[in-house]
Amino acid sequence: MEKRELKHILGMAIDKEKEAYDFYMNLYNVVEDAVAKDTLLFLAQEEKKHRKFLKDYREGRHNKDVLRMSEVIDYQIAQYMETPDSEKKIHTKDVYLIAANRELNSYNFYTNLAGVHPDGEMRDLLLRMANEELRHKEKVEYLYSNTAFPQTAGG
């Protein structure tokens, strides 16, 4: 793969991570629930770390094996629930569902981008980024399910 093409793809990914960071910070500023705010701040910081990683990688300052591949449980909640409108007053559970959909979109972005690349370093990096986004989706879907369907004394 040409170095110029690699830099272009990494530039797109860096922009995507910046958009995600801005999205979470904007949502953070309209949400009132303290726990949801903490989650949004966590997600924003994760996107910031991804952006830094990608920038460092583009400049040759990281080993390709820095991102770990771990098994992720995809609850597929975001795929089956309608995304709440973030412009209206939203409840805590809605924040998690909005975040899950955002992470699903990021996962799809990286997976689709990886799908057009032959086996090799760039494809592996894109799949690792997809896995990171899926891990975030797993976390916020877990929070969604526990917030939307809390455990009761009856089981």
C-alpha atoms as a PDB file:
ATOM      1  CA  MET A   1       0.000   0.000   0.000  1.00  0.00           C
ATOM      2  CA  GLU A   2       1.297   3.420  -0.886  1.00  0.00           C
ATOM      3  CA  LYS A   3       2.343   5.604   2.024  1.00  0.00           C
ATOM      4  CA  ARG A   4       0.101   8.392   0.692  1.00  0.00           C
ATOM      5  CA  GLU A   5      -2.949   6.087   0.679  1.00  0.00           C
ATOM      6  CA  LEU A   6      -2.148   4.926   4.208  1.00  0.00           C
ATOM      7  CA  LYS A   7      -1.912   8.537   5.428  1.00  0.00           C
ATOM      8  CA  HIS A   8      -5.228   9.345   3.728  1.00  0.00           C
ATOM      9  CA  ILE A   9      -7.013   6.416   5.393  1.00  0.00           C
ATOM     10  CA  LEU A  10      -5.506   7.247   8.756  1.00  0.00           C
ATOM     11  CA  GLY A  11      -6.554  10.879   8.237  1.00  0.00           C
ATOM     12  CA  MET A  12     -10.156   9.756   7.667  1.00  0.00           C
ATOM     13  CA  ALA A  13     -10.026   7.630  10.803  1.00  0.00           C
ATOM     14  CA  ILE A  14      -8.533  10.502  12.820  1.00  0.00           C
ATOM     15  CA  ASP A  15     -11.352  12.788  11.639  1.00  0.00           C
ATOM     16  CA  LYS A  16     -13.912  10.113  12.579  1.00  0.00           C
ATOM     17  CA  GLU A  17     -12.488   9.894  16.108  1.00  0.00           C
ATOM     18  CA  LYS A  18     -12.606  13.709  16.449  1.00  0.00           C
ATOM     19  CA  GLU A  19     -16.254  13.688  15.335  1.00  0.00           C
ATOM     20  CA  ALA A  20     -17.017  11.011  17.937  1.00  0.00           C
ATOM     21  CA  TYR A  21     -15.251  13.013  20.654  1.00  0.00           C
ATOM     22  CA  ASP A  22     -17.220  16.149  19.737  1.00  0.00           C
ATOM     23  CA  PHE A  23     -20.466  14.175  19.621  1.00  0.00           C
ATOM     24  CA  TYR A  24     -19.977  12.794  23.139  1.00  0.00           C
ATOM     25  CA  MET A  25     -18.926  16.168  24.547  1.00  0.00           C
ATOM     26  CA  ASN A  26     -21.963  17.878  22.989  1.00  0.00           C
ATOM     27  CA  LEU A  27     -24.227  15.223  24.469  1.00  0.00           C
ATOM     28  CA  TYR A  28     -22.399  15.580  27.790  1.00  0.00           C
ATOM     29  CA  ASN A  29     -23.324  19.275  27.824  1.00  0.00           C
ATOM     30  CA  VAL A  30     -27.074  18.613  27.493  1.00  0.00           C
ATOM     31  CA  VAL A  31     -27.417  15.587  29.776  1.00  0.00           C
ATOM     32  CA  GLU A  32     -28.262  16.204  33.418  1.00  0.00           C
ATOM     33  CA  ASP A  33     -27.788  12.750  34.975  1.00  0.00           C
ATOM     34  CA  ALA A  34     -24.385  12.548  36.683  1.00  0.00           C
ATOM     35  CA  VAL A  35     -23.825   8.851  35.901  1.00  0.00           C
ATOM     36  CA  ALA A  36     -24.649   9.371  32.230  1.00  0.00           C
ATOM     37  CA  LYS A  37     -22.318  12.385  32.168  1.00  0.00           C
ATOM     38  CA  ASP A  38     -19.506  10.231  33.588  1.00  0.00           C
ATOM     39  CA  THR A  39     -20.106   7.611  30.893  1.00  0.00           C
ATOM     40  CA  LEU A  40     -20.099  10.225  28.136  1.00  0.00           C
ATOM     41  CA  LEU A  41     -16.894  11.717  29.469  1.00  0.00           C
ATOM     42  CA  PHE A  42     -15.323   8.248  29.544  1.00  0.00           C
ATOM     43  CA  LEU A  43     -16.370   7.612  25.939  1.00  0.00           C
ATOM     44  CA  ALA A  44     -15.101  11.016  24.818  1.00  0.00           C
ATOM     45  CA  GLN A  45     -11.735  10.319  26.435  1.00  0.00           C
ATOM     46  CA  GLU A  46     -11.579   6.917  24.729  1.00  0.00           C
ATOM     47  CA  GLU A  47     -12.168   8.573  21.356  1.00  0.00           C
ATOM     48  CA  LYS A  48      -9.449  11.090  22.197  1.00  0.00           C
ATOM     49  CA  LYS A  49      -7.047   8.214  22.947  1.00  0.00           C
ATOM     50  CA  HIS A  50      -7.959   6.542  19.647  1.00  0.00           C
ATOM     51  CA  ARG A  51      -7.264   9.786  17.810  1.00  0.00           C
ATOM     52  CA  LYS A  52      -3.859  10.132  19.485  1.00  0.00           C
ATOM     53  CA  PHE A  53      -3.052   6.505  18.737  1.00  0.00           C
ATOM     54  CA  LEU A  54      -3.926   6.959  15.058  1.00  0.00           C
ATOM     55  CA  LYS A  55      -1.894  10.161  14.800  1.00  0.00           C
ATOM     56  CA  ASP A  56       1.096   8.481  16.448  1.00  0.00           C
ATOM     57  CA  TYR A  57       0.686   5.450  14.213  1.00  0.00           C
ATOM     58  CA  ARG A  58       0.576   7.668  11.123  1.00  0.00           C
ATOM     59  CA  GLU A  59       3.856   9.235  12.230  1.00  0.00           C
ATOM     60  CA  GLY A  60       5.462   5.839  12.891  1.00  0.00           C
ATOM     61  CA  ARG A  61       5.499   6.157  16.684  1.00  0.00           C
ATOM     62  CA  HIS A  62       3.512   3.011  17.532  1.00  0.00           C
ATOM     63  CA  ASN A  63       3.828  -0.684  17.039  1.00  0.00           C
ATOM     64  CA  LYS A  64       0.938  -2.252  15.115  1.00  0.00           C
ATOM     65  CA  ASP A  65       0.208  -4.603  18.043  1.00  0.00           C
ATOM     66  CA  VAL A  66      -0.606  -1.846  20.558  1.00  0.00           C
ATOM     67  CA  LEU A  67      -4.380  -2.322  20.269  1.00  0.00           C
ATOM     68  CA  ARG A  68      -5.500  -5.553  21.795  1.00  0.00           C
ATOM     69  CA  MET A  69      -7.994  -7.903  20.248  1.00  0.00           C
ATOM     70  CA  SER A  70     -10.357  -9.259  22.827  1.00  0.00           C
ATOM     71  CA  GLU A  71     -13.536 -11.217  22.612  1.00  0.00           C
ATOM     72  CA  VAL A  72     -16.508  -8.904  22.725  1.00  0.00           C
ATOM     73  CA  ILE A  73     -20.127  -9.735  23.400  1.00  0.00           C
ATOM     74  CA  ASP A  74     -22.406  -7.996  20.943  1.00  0.00           C
ATOM     75  CA  TYR A  75     -25.800  -7.767  22.610  1.00  0.00           C
ATOM     76  CA  GLN A  76     -27.165  -6.258  19.363  1.00  0.00           C
ATOM     77  CA  ILE A  77     -29.456  -3.942  21.278  1.00  0.00           C
ATOM     78  CA  ALA A  78     -28.595  -0.945  19.110  1.00  0.00           C
ATOM     79  CA  GLN A  79     -29.488  -2.877  15.971  1.00  0.00           C
ATOM     80  CA  TYR A  80     -33.038  -3.515  17.184  1.00  0.00           C
ATOM     81  CA  MET A  81     -33.956  -0.437  19.183  1.00  0.00           C
ATOM     82  CA  GLU A  82     -34.867   2.881  17.626  1.00  0.00           C
ATOM     83  CA  THR A  83     -32.280   5.570  18.311  1.00  0.00           C
ATOM     84  CA  PRO A  84     -33.722   8.290  20.543  1.00  0.00           C
ATOM     85  CA  ASP A  85     -33.632  11.867  19.280  1.00  0.00           C
ATOM     86  CA  SER A  86     -30.708  13.568  21.022  1.00  0.00           C
ATOM     87  CA  GLU A  87     -32.262  16.979  20.303  1.00  0.00           C
ATOM     88  CA  LYS A  88     -35.146  16.319  22.707  1.00  0.00           C
ATOM     89  CA  LYS A  89     -35.055  15.849  26.462  1.00  0.00           C
ATOM     90  CA  ILE A  90     -33.498  12.450  26.936  1.00  0.00           C
ATOM     91  CA  HIS A  91     -33.456  10.011  29.804  1.00  0.00           C
ATOM     92  CA  THR A  92     -30.347   8.256  31.045  1.00  0.00           C
ATOM     93  CA  LYS A  93     -31.240   5.018  29.251  1.00  0.00           C
ATOM     94  CA  ASP A  94     -31.549   7.007  26.014  1.00  0.00           C
ATOM     95  CA  VAL A  95     -28.018   8.352  26.419  1.00  0.00           C
ATOM     96  CA  TYR A  96     -26.688   4.799  26.463  1.00  0.00           C
ATOM     97  CA  LEU A  97     -28.740   3.787  23.431  1.00  0.00           C
ATOM     98  CA  ILE A  98     -27.563   6.848  21.497  1.00  0.00           C
ATOM     99  CA  ALA A  99     -23.968   5.998  22.429  1.00  0.00           C
ATOM    100  CA  ALA A 100     -24.457   2.345  21.423  1.00  0.00           C
ATOM    101  CA  ASN A 101     -25.654   3.428  17.995  1.00  0.00           C
ATOM    102  CA  ARG A 102     -22.715   5.797  17.634  1.00  0.00           C
ATOM    103  CA  GLU A 103     -20.305   2.987  18.496  1.00  0.00           C
ATOM    104  CA  LEU A 104     -22.096   0.647  16.075  1.00  0.00           C
ATOM    105  CA  ASN A 105     -21.623   3.199  13.298  1.00  0.00           C
ATOM    106  CA  SER A 106     -17.929   3.509  14.154  1.00  0.00           C
ATOM    107  CA  TYR A 107     -17.568  -0.270  14.219  1.00  0.00           C
ATOM    108  CA  ASN A 108     -19.208  -0.482  10.783  1.00  0.00           C
ATOM    109  CA  PHE A 109     -16.966   2.291   9.456  1.00  0.00           C
ATOM    110  CA  TYR A 110     -13.774   0.465  10.437  1.00  0.00           C
ATOM    111  CA  THR A 111     -15.077  -2.968   9.417  1.00  0.00           C
ATOM    112  CA  ASN A 112     -16.150  -1.749   5.991  1.00  0.00           C
ATOM    113  CA  LEU A 113     -12.865   0.054   5.484  1.00  0.00           C
ATOM    114  CA  ALA A 114     -10.969  -3.097   6.476  1.00  0.00           C
ATOM    115  CA  GLY A 115     -13.085  -5.094   4.044  1.00  0.00           C
ATOM    116  CA  VAL A 116     -11.685  -3.248   1.039  1.00  0.00           C
ATOM    117  CA  HIS A 117      -8.075  -3.835   2.049  1.00  0.00           C
ATOM    118  CA  PRO A 118      -6.023  -6.936   1.378  1.00  0.00           C
ATOM    119  CA  ASP A 119      -4.522  -8.862   4.265  1.00  0.00           C
ATOM    120  CA  GLY A 120      -1.771  -6.891   5.872  1.00  0.00           C
ATOM    121  CA  GLU A 121      -0.859  -4.226   8.381  1.00  0.00           C
ATOM    122  CA  MET A 122      -3.527  -1.680   7.425  1.00  0.00           C
ATOM    123  CA  ARG A 123      -6.342  -4.212   7.420  1.00  0.00           C
ATOM    124  CA  ASP A 124      -5.222  -5.541  10.809  1.00  0.00           C
ATOM    125  CA  LEU A 125      -5.123  -2.026  12.254  1.00  0.00           C
ATOM    126  CA  LEU A 126      -8.624  -1.248  10.964  1.00  0.00           C
ATOM    127  CA  LEU A 127      -9.992  -4.494  12.411  1.00  0.00           C
ATOM    128  CA  ARG A 128      -8.410  -3.677  15.759  1.00  0.00           C
ATOM    129  CA  MET A 129     -10.038  -0.237  15.705  1.00  0.00           C
ATOM    130  CA  ALA A 130     -13.369  -1.899  14.855  1.00  0.00           C
ATOM    131  CA  ASN A 131     -12.898  -4.199  17.845  1.00  0.00           C
ATOM    132  CA  GLU A 132     -12.268  -1.193  20.110  1.00  0.00           C
ATOM    133  CA  GLU A 133     -15.525   0.394  18.952  1.00  0.00           C
ATOM    134  CA  LEU A 134     -17.393  -2.869  19.504  1.00  0.00           C
ATOM    135  CA  ARG A 135     -15.998  -3.022  23.058  1.00  0.00           C
ATOM    136  CA  HIS A 136     -17.430   0.442  23.696  1.00  0.00           C
ATOM    137  CA  LYS A 137     -20.763  -0.661  22.251  1.00  0.00           C
ATOM    138  CA  GLU A 138     -20.753  -3.654  24.578  1.00  0.00           C
ATOM    139  CA  LYS A 139     -20.227  -1.384  27.594  1.00  0.00           C
ATOM    140  CA  VAL A 140     -22.965   1.096  26.765  1.00  0.00           C
ATOM    141  CA  GLU A 141     -25.439  -1.638  25.805  1.00  0.00           C
ATOM    142  CA  TYR A 142     -24.777  -3.251  29.180  1.00  0.00           C
ATOM    143  CA  LEU A 143     -25.465   0.094  30.864  1.00  0.00           C
ATOM    144  CA  TYR A 144     -28.580   0.547  28.731  1.00  0.00           C
ATOM    145  CA  SER A 145     -30.007  -2.851  29.644  1.00  0.00           C
ATOM    146  CA  ASN A 146     -29.371  -2.281  33.349  1.00  0.00           C
ATOM    147  CA  THR A 147     -30.898   1.183  33.237  1.00  0.00           C
ATOM    148  CA  ALA A 148     -33.875   0.436  30.998  1.00  0.00           C
ATOM    149  CA  PHE A 149     -34.653  -2.876  32.689  1.00  0.00           C
ATOM    150  CA  PRO A 150     -33.450  -2.615  36.320  1.00  0.00           C
ATOM    151  CA  GLN A 151     -33.342  -5.643  38.548  1.00  0.00           C
ATOM    152  CA  THR A 152     -36.306  -5.780  40.872  1.00  0.00           C
ATOM    153  CA  ALA A 153     -36.706  -7.459  44.238  1.00  0.00           C
ATOM    154  CA  GLY A 154     -38.805 -10.113  42.522  1.00  0.00           C
ATOM    155  CA  GLY A 155     -36.011 -11.237  40.206  1.00  0.00           C
END
